[in-house]
């Protein structure tokens, strides 16, 4: 009957809308993931460069202050990376 046909069409339309929603959500998450992966590469490279710079630096008059500076900067990059990863989950 016409009522059953109308109801079936409504169900199909609702399901198509839901599918479209999930496709868009998947697309958005893929973009966020790709951005995160790029940021991770940049931050990881920066952390490695800082660690290398730290090891190769001349010994300063006050090594603990210099060490703290490097450790804080590395920790900041690591925290930024963790926050980015958490935002995707």
Foldseek 3Di string as FASTA:
>chain_A
DVVVVVVVVVVVVVVVVVVVVVVVVVVVLVVLVVVLVVLVVVLVVVLVVLVVCLVPPDQDPDNVVVVVVSVVVNVVSVVVSVVSVVVSD
